[in-house]
Amino acid sequence: MRLAPSKQDMPSDRDQSAGDDERHVHVIGPSEFTFARLDDLPDRDRYDFHPLLRYEDILTTEPHSFDRLLREAEETLDAAPRVDGIIAFWDFPATCLAALLAARRGLPGPSLEAVLRCEHKLWARRVQREVVPDLVPPFERVDPFDDDALEKLQLEFPFWLKPIKSASSMLGFRIANEEDFRHALQETREGIHVYGEPFSETLRHAELPEDLARWGGQYCIAEGLIGGEQATLEGFVHRGEVQIHGIVDSIRHTNESTFSRYQYPSGLSRDLTNRMEDASRAVLEHVGYDEGTFNIEFFYDEENDDCWIVEVNPRISQSHAMLFELVDGAPNFAEMVSIAVGETPAARARTGYPCAAKLFYRTVLEDAIVTAVPSEEEIRSIEETIPGVRVQVGVEVGTRLSDLPYQESYSYELAYLHVGGQDEGEILQKYQECVDRLTFAFRSIEDVDLEDGHHRVKAVPQLKRDRSG
């Protein structure tokens, strides 16, 4: 059954004869870095951007109330002199808040139900299976509070177990045996409420299938294992038309778990990218997603010709913004802003570097306290003398490395380097030049200075891809 609602005639683009009238766009929970990136829009002078809710309210690992955030946002918008559009850079709750707030004001945006068909892990897999079954792993619902949950499960080991709503792989477990399953259930029972409770509140605002409405937001999905190399397809849907503006490769280190960099444009074969594009269009049309941006993550195995959908995100990827700007001349949120104010996005043109990458500057240093980071003058000097480079430092003086959120098990992220170049080789050369000039210092947790407090970080090296790029 096709889930997309019947299309209503969309209003025509706003009358550009209105001249230089600014569009007032409200941005849900922006970080300082994200908000500053809006200045990179090629037509920045046409917009007036306003923060809506705090960054700390949106990106939190503490329990919070969706309905409280919704009320606070409503009060702010009610007091605003003008609201022409509402945008969100982050996942839940930001994406769901944006959908509800825009709908209540008659502004462009996807419906809450369409957003949930992407973000609700069980609902998402159900609707994906209806149109692209070969790209969806086997899956089942799991009640983490059911002592007999394992006996009711049909999936065989190994598999993934994760909540239907969380963030950054929080409470995601690879289950190899019964012991792993029991441990995962115990951890999940203790922490699932952080996202489960606000997600349950969100679901009460939507029209859901009867069973999903009855179960609420505090349960899990078990999925068969999928894997391979990873790529992310980005685009937008406007007036029912799915437009794809790029595919970004996610390149990992040799340990196969740590991200090395995101690189654009993709080096995948045209046959494989065609399959990804066809699958993306089929899924987005089926879920009724319209008037919004998206990114869809895929795993692929060229040797076995396998392709899998990892997840569908009803938003852009901030990590890719500078890549599109360095290559196409505009960040990927340009389309998001245009659609939010009821305008057709401008066509993209490759006006910059042939390729670009966001490289993760990581260290294998043991846990320590940061005592020095690159100064603004140091960063400015790098950006001015190495063309096509933007440096984003991810730690502050006083940061304890083990307190950094969302880190993987093998290293810590200290900075992110956005680099444009003629080819992959030039990008990696520029990266190394930046690493050689960035200075971090640390002291050990035992309060013993590491090399007199001026420990030079040994960065995890960037490697060329095995396949041609």
Protein backbone atom coordinates (compact mmCIF):
# COMPACT_ATOMS: atom_id res chain seq x y z
CA MET A 1 0.00 0.00 0.00
CA ARG A 2 1.33 3.43 -0.95
CA LEU A 3 1.69 5.59 2.14
CA ALA A 4 2.14 8.93 0.40
CA PRO A 5 -0.91 11.19 0.87
CA SER A 6 -2.57 12.66 -2.18
CA LYS A 7 -0.61 15.69 -3.27
CA GLN A 8 -2.13 19.10 -2.85
CA ASP A 9 -1.22 21.90 -5.17
CA MET A 10 1.79 23.66 -3.75
CA PRO A 11 1.84 27.46 -3.74
CA SER A 12 4.01 29.05 -6.38
CA ASP A 13 7.38 30.49 -5.43
CA ARG A 14 7.17 33.64 -3.41
CA ASP A 15 6.99 36.73 -5.55
CA GLN A 16 10.55 37.83 -6.09
CA SER A 17 9.29 41.27 -7.10
CA ALA A 18 9.03 41.95 -3.40
CA GLY A 19 12.64 43.03 -3.80
CA ASP A 20 15.16 42.76 -1.00
CA ASP A 21 12.66 41.85 1.70
CA GLU A 22 14.47 39.57 4.16
CA ARG A 23 13.10 36.12 4.98
CA HIS A 24 13.09 35.45 8.72
CA VAL A 25 14.20 31.86 9.33
CA HIS A 26 14.19 30.27 12.80
CA VAL A 27 16.92 27.68 13.46
CA ILE A 28 16.23 24.97 16.04
CA GLY A 29 19.04 24.46 18.56
CA PRO A 30 22.01 25.68 16.52
CA SER A 31 25.55 25.36 17.81
CA GLU A 32 27.82 28.37 17.51
CA PHE A 33 29.75 26.72 14.67
CA THR A 34 26.57 25.70 12.83
CA PHE A 35 24.99 29.12 13.14
CA ALA A 36 28.15 30.76 11.80
CA ARG A 37 28.06 28.47 8.74
CA LEU A 38 24.81 30.11 7.64
CA ASP A 39 26.96 33.11 6.71
CA ASP A 40 28.44 30.93 3.93
CA LEU A 41 25.20 30.99 1.95
CA PRO A 42 25.72 32.66 -1.43
CA ASP A 43 22.59 34.82 -0.91
CA ARG A 44 23.06 35.37 2.83
CA ASP A 45 21.81 38.98 2.69
CA ARG A 46 18.30 37.73 1.82
CA TYR A 47 17.85 36.03 5.20
CA ASP A 48 17.64 36.95 8.87
CA PHE A 49 18.35 33.88 11.03
CA HIS A 50 17.09 33.49 14.59
CA PRO A 51 18.05 30.77 17.11
CA LEU A 52 15.04 28.79 18.35
CA LEU A 53 15.69 26.80 21.55
CA ARG A 54 19.17 26.21 22.89
CA TYR A 55 21.75 23.83 21.49
CA GLU A 56 21.96 22.22 24.95
CA ASP A 57 18.22 21.50 24.89
CA ILE A 58 18.45 19.59 21.61
CA LEU A 59 21.73 17.69 21.92
CA THR A 60 21.56 16.19 25.38
CA THR A 61 22.03 12.79 26.93
CA GLU A 62 19.88 13.83 29.88
CA PRO A 63 16.12 13.09 30.09
CA HIS A 64 14.02 15.86 28.56
CA SER A 65 10.42 16.54 27.59
CA PHE A 66 9.43 16.89 23.93
CA ASP A 67 6.19 18.63 24.87
CA ARG A 68 8.07 21.16 26.99
CA LEU A 69 10.41 21.97 24.11
CA LEU A 70 7.40 22.28 21.80
CA ARG A 71 5.68 24.74 24.16
CA GLU A 72 8.82 26.83 24.57
CA ALA A 73 9.35 26.98 20.82
CA GLU A 74 5.71 27.93 20.25
CA GLU A 75 5.98 30.77 22.78
CA THR A 76 9.12 32.11 21.10
CA LEU A 77 7.55 31.98 17.64
CA ASP A 78 4.32 33.57 18.89
CA ALA A 79 6.36 36.51 20.16
CA ALA A 80 8.44 36.82 16.97
CA PRO A 81 7.49 39.69 14.65
CA ARG A 82 7.78 37.41 11.63
CA VAL A 83 8.29 33.71 10.85
CA ASP A 84 8.96 32.79 7.21
CA GLY A 85 10.59 29.40 7.74
CA ILE A 86 11.78 26.87 10.32
CA ILE A 87 14.86 24.67 9.85
CA ALA A 88 16.66 22.00 11.86
CA PHE A 89 20.20 20.65 11.46
CA TRP A 90 19.90 17.89 14.06
CA ASP A 91 18.06 14.58 14.43
CA PHE A 92 15.31 13.98 16.98
CA PRO A 93 13.90 15.98 18.63
CA ALA A 94 14.82 18.83 16.25
CA THR A 95 13.46 17.23 13.07
CA CYS A 96 10.11 16.39 14.69
CA LEU A 97 9.83 19.82 16.29
CA ALA A 98 10.47 21.49 12.94
CA ALA A 99 7.78 19.41 11.23
CA LEU A 100 5.14 20.17 13.87
CA LEU A 101 5.97 23.88 14.16
CA ALA A 102 5.96 24.42 10.40
CA ALA A 103 2.66 22.57 9.96
CA ARG A 104 0.96 24.63 12.66
CA ARG A 105 1.95 27.83 10.87
CA GLY A 106 1.20 26.71 7.35
CA LEU A 107 4.89 26.83 6.41
CA PRO A 108 6.63 24.42 4.01
CA GLY A 109 7.98 21.25 5.54
CA PRO A 110 7.51 17.48 5.67
CA SER A 111 4.66 16.06 7.74
CA LEU A 112 5.44 14.66 11.18
CA GLU A 113 4.33 11.22 9.98
CA ALA A 114 6.75 11.32 7.04
CA VAL A 115 9.59 12.30 9.38
CA LEU A 116 8.70 9.46 11.73
CA ARG A 117 8.62 6.93 8.89
CA CYS A 118 12.29 7.82 8.48
CA GLU A 119 13.35 8.14 12.15
CA HIS A 120 11.26 5.48 13.92
CA LYS A 121 13.55 2.51 13.32
CA LEU A 122 10.85 -0.16 13.24
CA TRP A 123 8.37 1.85 11.16
CA ALA A 124 11.21 2.84 8.81
CA ARG A 125 12.23 -0.77 8.19
CA ARG A 126 8.62 -1.79 7.59
CA VAL A 127 8.02 0.80 4.88
CA GLN A 128 11.46 0.27 3.31
CA ARG A 129 10.76 -3.45 3.04
CA GLU A 130 7.55 -2.71 1.12
CA VAL A 131 9.42 -1.06 -1.77
CA VAL A 132 13.09 -2.18 -1.63
CA PRO A 133 13.04 -5.52 0.24
CA ASP A 134 16.44 -6.61 -1.11
CA LEU A 135 18.09 -3.60 0.55
CA VAL A 136 16.66 -4.23 4.03
CA PRO A 137 18.11 -6.70 6.59
CA PRO A 138 15.82 -9.04 8.55
CA PHE A 139 14.44 -7.35 11.66
CA GLU A 140 12.11 -7.89 14.62
CA ARG A 141 10.60 -5.88 17.46
CA VAL A 142 12.05 -6.55 20.94
CA ASP A 143 10.51 -5.53 24.27
CA PRO A 144 13.54 -4.89 26.52
CA PHE A 145 11.38 -5.24 29.63
CA ASP A 146 10.21 -8.74 28.68
CA ASP A 147 12.20 -11.40 30.51
CA ASP A 148 11.31 -13.87 27.75
CA ALA A 149 12.38 -11.55 24.92
CA LEU A 150 15.18 -13.82 23.69
CA GLU A 151 12.93 -16.90 23.54
CA LYS A 152 10.46 -14.97 21.36
CA LEU A 153 13.13 -13.79 18.93
CA GLN A 154 13.42 -15.56 15.58
CA LEU A 155 16.71 -13.95 14.45
CA GLU A 156 19.82 -16.05 14.83
CA PHE A 157 23.07 -14.76 16.34
CA PRO A 158 24.80 -12.48 15.56
CA PHE A 159 22.57 -9.40 15.19
CA TRP A 160 22.29 -5.77 16.27
CA LEU A 161 20.00 -4.65 19.10
CA LYS A 162 19.15 -0.97 19.45
CA PRO A 163 16.29 1.28 20.64
CA ILE A 164 13.81 2.47 18.04
CA LYS A 165 15.02 5.98 18.91
CA SER A 166 18.41 7.01 20.26
CA ALA A 167 21.39 9.07 19.08
CA SER A 168 24.92 8.32 17.87
CA SER A 169 24.63 4.54 18.46
CA MET A 170 23.64 5.08 22.09
CA LEU A 171 22.53 1.69 23.52
CA GLY A 172 23.38 -0.05 20.27
CA PHE A 173 24.80 -3.54 20.87
CA ARG A 174 26.24 -6.25 18.64
CA ILE A 175 24.77 -9.47 20.02
CA ALA A 176 26.81 -12.63 19.50
CA ASN A 177 25.28 -14.87 22.18
CA GLU A 178 22.78 -15.10 25.03
CA GLU A 179 25.17 -13.43 27.48
CA ASP A 180 25.49 -10.40 25.19
CA PHE A 181 21.71 -10.22 24.91
CA ARG A 182 21.13 -10.30 28.67
CA HIS A 183 23.78 -7.62 29.21
CA ALA A 184 22.26 -5.42 26.48
CA LEU A 185 18.78 -5.72 27.99
CA GLN A 186 20.06 -4.64 31.39
CA GLU A 187 21.86 -1.60 29.95
CA THR A 188 18.86 -0.73 27.80
CA ARG A 189 16.39 -0.91 30.70
CA GLU A 190 18.52 1.59 32.61
CA GLY A 191 18.94 4.11 29.78
CA ILE A 192 16.20 3.77 27.17
CA HIS A 193 14.03 6.39 28.91
CA VAL A 194 16.43 9.19 27.92
CA TYR A 195 15.12 9.16 24.35
CA GLY A 196 12.22 6.75 24.80
CA GLU A 197 10.10 9.02 26.99
CA PRO A 198 10.32 12.15 24.81
CA PHE A 199 9.82 9.96 21.73
CA SER A 200 6.64 8.54 23.26
CA GLU A 201 5.42 12.12 23.72
CA THR A 202 6.20 12.85 20.07
CA LEU A 203 4.30 9.80 18.82
CA ARG A 204 1.12 11.05 20.50
CA HIS A 205 1.14 14.00 18.08
CA ALA A 206 1.10 11.71 15.02
CA GLU A 207 -1.26 9.32 13.26
CA LEU A 208 0.36 5.90 13.64
CA PRO A 209 -0.39 2.29 12.81
CA GLU A 210 -2.36 0.84 15.73
CA ASP A 211 0.42 -1.41 17.05
CA LEU A 212 3.07 1.32 16.93
CA ALA A 213 0.78 3.71 18.80
CA ARG A 214 0.10 1.05 21.44
CA TRP A 215 3.77 0.21 22.01
CA GLY A 216 5.00 3.79 22.44
CA GLY A 217 8.66 4.75 22.23
CA GLN A 218 10.49 2.52 24.72
CA TYR A 219 11.27 -0.66 22.86
CA CYS A 220 13.97 -1.99 20.55
CA ILE A 221 14.60 -3.43 17.12
CA ALA A 222 16.84 -6.42 16.39
CA GLU A 223 18.43 -6.37 12.93
CA GLY A 224 20.52 -8.84 11.00
CA LEU A 225 24.11 -7.73 10.44
CA ILE A 226 24.94 -5.69 7.37
CA GLY A 227 28.25 -4.13 6.45
CA GLY A 228 30.70 -3.06 3.81
CA GLU A 229 31.97 0.29 2.67
CA GLN A 230 29.73 3.25 3.31
CA ALA A 231 28.37 6.14 1.25
CA THR A 232 25.73 8.78 1.89
CA LEU A 233 23.37 10.12 -0.75
CA GLU A 234 22.10 13.69 -0.21
CA GLY A 235 19.31 15.70 -1.74
CA PHE A 236 15.89 17.26 -1.24
CA VAL A 237 12.23 16.78 -2.14
CA HIS A 238 10.29 19.76 -3.47
CA ARG A 239 6.75 19.58 -4.83
CA GLY A 240 6.94 15.82 -4.85
CA GLU A 241 10.14 15.69 -6.96
CA VAL A 242 13.18 13.97 -5.46
CA GLN A 243 16.38 15.80 -6.39
CA ILE A 244 19.80 14.33 -5.62
CA HIS A 245 22.75 16.67 -5.46
CA GLY A 246 25.60 14.41 -4.43
CA ILE A 247 27.00 11.22 -2.94
CA VAL A 248 29.70 11.33 -0.26
CA ASP A 249 32.07 8.43 0.49
CA SER A 250 32.70 7.57 4.16
CA ILE A 251 36.24 6.23 4.26
CA ARG A 252 37.40 4.22 7.26
CA HIS A 253 40.81 3.37 8.69
CA THR A 254 42.20 -0.13 8.36
CA ASN A 255 40.52 -1.17 11.64
CA GLU A 256 37.23 -0.90 9.66
CA SER A 257 35.44 0.95 12.47
CA THR A 258 37.09 4.37 12.73
CA PHE A 259 36.08 7.05 10.24
CA SER A 260 39.07 8.52 8.45
CA ARG A 261 37.23 11.11 6.37
CA TYR A 262 34.19 11.99 4.29
CA GLN A 263 35.08 12.61 0.64
CA TYR A 264 33.07 14.22 -2.16
CA PRO A 265 32.25 13.51 -4.94
CA SER A 266 31.94 9.75 -4.62
CA GLY A 267 34.31 7.39 -6.39
CA LEU A 268 31.65 4.68 -6.75
CA SER A 269 30.72 3.16 -10.08
CA ARG A 270 27.83 4.76 -11.96
CA ASP A 271 25.91 1.48 -11.89
CA LEU A 272 26.03 1.37 -8.09
CA THR A 273 25.10 5.03 -7.61
CA ASN A 274 22.16 4.57 -10.01
CA ARG A 275 20.87 1.77 -7.81
CA MET A 276 21.22 3.94 -4.70
CA GLU A 277 19.41 6.82 -6.37
CA ASP A 278 16.56 4.59 -7.56
CA ALA A 279 16.15 3.09 -4.09
CA SER A 280 16.20 6.54 -2.47
CA ARG A 281 13.48 7.86 -4.75
CA ALA A 282 11.31 4.79 -4.17
CA VAL A 283 11.58 5.04 -0.37
CA LEU A 284 11.04 8.80 -0.11
CA GLU A 285 8.01 8.72 -2.40
CA HIS A 286 6.57 5.77 -0.49
CA VAL A 287 6.84 7.42 2.92
CA GLY A 288 5.30 10.65 1.61
CA TYR A 289 8.33 12.78 2.40
CA ASP A 290 8.10 16.21 0.76
CA GLU A 291 9.36 19.79 1.20
CA GLY A 292 12.54 18.86 3.00
CA THR A 293 16.15 17.76 2.70
CA PHE A 294 17.45 14.26 3.38
CA ASN A 295 20.47 12.02 3.49
CA ILE A 296 20.39 8.24 3.12
CA GLU A 297 23.26 6.07 4.30
CA PHE A 298 24.15 2.91 2.39
CA PHE A 299 26.48 -0.01 2.89
CA TYR A 300 27.80 -1.62 -0.27
CA ASP A 301 29.98 -4.57 -1.21
CA GLU A 302 31.15 -4.25 -4.79
CA GLU A 303 32.71 -7.72 -4.78
CA ASN A 304 29.38 -9.42 -3.98
CA ASP A 305 27.26 -6.68 -5.59
CA ASP A 306 25.31 -6.20 -2.34
CA CYS A 307 23.76 -2.90 -1.28
CA TRP A 308 21.91 -2.11 1.96
CA ILE A 309 20.07 0.89 3.38
CA VAL A 310 21.57 1.78 6.76
CA GLU A 311 19.14 4.58 7.60
CA VAL A 312 17.14 7.45 6.15
CA ASN A 313 17.68 10.84 7.81
CA PRO A 314 15.10 13.62 7.23
CA ARG A 315 17.76 16.34 7.32
CA ILE A 316 21.06 17.31 5.75
CA SER A 317 24.38 16.09 7.13
CA GLN A 318 26.26 18.99 8.72
CA SER A 319 29.50 17.04 8.28
CA HIS A 320 29.10 17.39 4.52
CA ALA A 321 28.31 21.11 4.38
CA MET A 322 31.84 22.33 3.70
CA LEU A 323 32.43 19.55 1.16
CA PHE A 324 29.58 20.79 -1.00
CA GLU A 325 30.71 24.38 -0.52
CA LEU A 326 34.30 23.61 -1.58
CA VAL A 327 33.21 21.69 -4.69
CA ASP A 328 29.83 23.14 -5.67
CA GLY A 329 30.19 26.67 -4.37
CA ALA A 330 27.34 26.37 -1.84
CA PRO A 331 26.88 24.35 1.38
CA ASN A 332 24.27 21.60 1.40
CA PHE A 333 21.93 23.59 3.63
CA ALA A 334 21.29 26.12 0.87
CA GLU A 335 18.46 23.89 -0.37
CA MET A 336 17.10 23.49 3.16
CA VAL A 337 16.76 27.24 3.61
CA SER A 338 15.19 27.80 0.18
CA ILE A 339 12.56 25.12 0.70
CA ALA A 340 11.77 26.34 4.22
CA VAL A 341 10.70 29.74 2.87
CA GLY A 342 8.73 28.29 -0.04
CA GLU A 343 11.24 28.78 -2.84
CA THR A 344 12.65 26.40 -5.43
CA PRO A 345 16.35 25.71 -4.71
CA ALA A 346 18.85 27.04 -7.23
CA ALA A 347 20.64 24.51 -9.44
CA ARG A 348 24.09 23.43 -8.28
CA ALA A 349 27.21 23.98 -10.38
CA ARG A 350 30.70 22.60 -9.81
CA THR A 351 32.45 25.94 -9.39
CA GLY A 352 35.10 24.97 -6.86
CA TYR A 353 37.69 22.25 -6.33
CA PRO A 354 37.35 18.92 -8.16
CA CYS A 355 37.08 17.15 -4.79
CA ALA A 356 36.99 17.83 -1.07
CA ALA A 357 37.12 15.95 2.23
CA LYS A 358 36.31 16.38 5.89
CA LEU A 359 39.21 14.70 7.67
CA PHE A 360 39.11 13.61 11.31
CA TYR A 361 42.21 14.67 13.23
CA ARG A 362 42.42 11.95 15.87
CA THR A 363 44.97 10.92 18.47
CA VAL A 364 45.66 7.58 20.11
CA LEU A 365 46.84 9.39 23.27
CA GLU A 366 45.67 7.85 26.55
CA ASP A 367 43.13 9.75 28.61
CA ALA A 368 44.42 13.23 29.51
CA ILE A 369 43.42 16.83 30.19
CA VAL A 370 43.79 19.35 27.36
CA THR A 371 46.08 22.21 28.43
CA ALA A 372 46.49 24.03 25.10
CA VAL A 373 44.73 24.17 21.74
CA PRO A 374 45.61 25.98 18.51
CA SER A 375 45.08 29.73 18.84
CA GLU A 376 42.84 31.77 16.56
CA GLU A 377 45.98 33.31 15.04
CA GLU A 378 47.45 29.87 14.38
CA ILE A 379 44.26 28.69 12.70
CA ARG A 380 43.97 31.89 10.66
CA SER A 381 47.55 31.51 9.46
CA ILE A 382 46.88 27.94 8.31
CA GLU A 383 43.69 28.88 6.48
CA GLU A 384 45.36 31.86 4.79
CA THR A 385 48.49 30.02 3.65
CA ILE A 386 47.02 26.62 2.66
CA PRO A 387 44.30 27.24 0.05
CA GLY A 388 41.00 25.44 0.44
CA VAL A 389 41.38 24.63 4.15
CA ARG A 390 38.96 25.27 7.04
CA VAL A 391 39.97 24.18 10.58
CA GLN A 392 37.41 23.29 13.27
CA VAL A 393 38.87 22.49 16.71
CA GLY A 394 36.74 20.04 18.69
CA VAL A 395 38.23 20.39 22.21
CA GLU A 396 38.88 23.21 24.67
CA VAL A 397 41.45 23.87 27.36
CA GLY A 398 40.35 21.86 30.39
CA THR A 399 38.58 19.16 28.38
CA ARG A 400 39.15 15.63 29.63
CA LEU A 401 39.44 13.38 26.61
CA SER A 402 37.37 10.58 28.15
CA ASP A 403 34.51 13.07 28.71
CA LEU A 404 34.16 13.83 25.01
CA PRO A 405 30.76 12.60 23.81
CA TYR A 406 30.25 10.09 21.01
CA GLN A 407 33.89 8.94 20.71
CA GLU A 408 34.88 5.54 19.34
CA SER A 409 36.94 3.03 21.28
CA TYR A 410 40.34 3.52 19.66
CA SER A 411 41.04 7.25 19.56
CA TYR A 412 39.82 10.76 20.38
CA GLU A 413 38.76 13.44 17.89
CA LEU A 414 40.69 16.68 18.42
CA ALA A 415 39.81 18.63 15.27
CA TYR A 416 38.16 18.43 11.87
CA LEU A 417 39.91 19.63 8.73
CA HIS A 418 37.81 20.57 5.70
CA VAL A 419 40.08 20.46 2.64
CA GLY A 420 39.56 21.03 -1.07
CA GLY A 421 42.03 19.86 -3.70
CA GLN A 422 42.64 18.78 -7.26
CA ASP A 423 42.65 15.11 -6.23
CA GLU A 424 42.86 12.83 -3.22
CA GLY A 425 46.65 13.05 -3.11
CA GLU A 426 46.60 16.84 -2.79
CA ILE A 427 43.95 16.66 -0.08
CA LEU A 428 46.06 14.27 2.00
CA GLN A 429 49.15 16.43 1.49
CA LYS A 430 47.30 19.53 2.73
CA TYR A 431 45.98 17.55 5.69
CA GLN A 432 49.51 16.61 6.72
CA GLU A 433 50.67 20.22 6.40
CA CYS A 434 47.86 21.25 8.77
CA VAL A 435 48.68 18.49 11.26
CA ASP A 436 52.32 19.59 11.34
CA ARG A 437 51.25 23.14 12.30
CA LEU A 438 48.46 22.45 14.80
CA THR A 439 49.64 22.41 18.42
CA PHE A 440 47.83 20.66 21.25
CA ALA A 441 49.17 20.09 24.76
CA PHE A 442 48.01 17.77 27.55
CA ARG A 443 48.72 16.67 31.08
CA SER A 444 48.04 13.19 32.36
CA ILE A 445 45.19 12.41 34.72
CA GLU A 446 47.76 11.68 37.43
CA ASP A 447 48.85 15.34 37.16
CA VAL A 448 52.22 14.37 35.67
CA ASP A 449 53.10 16.52 32.70
CA LEU A 450 53.39 14.77 29.37
CA GLU A 451 56.70 15.94 27.91
CA ASP A 452 56.61 19.09 30.06
CA GLY A 453 53.03 19.80 29.10
CA HIS A 454 53.81 20.13 25.41
CA HIS A 455 53.03 16.64 24.21
CA ARG A 456 52.90 16.62 20.43
CA VAL A 457 49.95 14.61 19.26
CA LYS A 458 50.62 11.62 17.06
CA ALA A 459 47.70 11.86 14.68
CA VAL A 460 46.07 8.74 13.29
CA PRO A 461 47.39 8.72 9.70
CA GLN A 462 45.12 9.27 6.72
CA LEU A 463 45.33 6.52 4.12
CA LYS A 464 44.58 6.47 0.43
CA ARG A 465 41.70 4.32 -0.68
CA ASP A 466 42.45 0.92 -2.14
CA ARG A 467 40.10 1.60 -5.03
CA SER A 468 40.57 4.51 -7.41
CA GLY A 469 38.96 7.77 -6.35
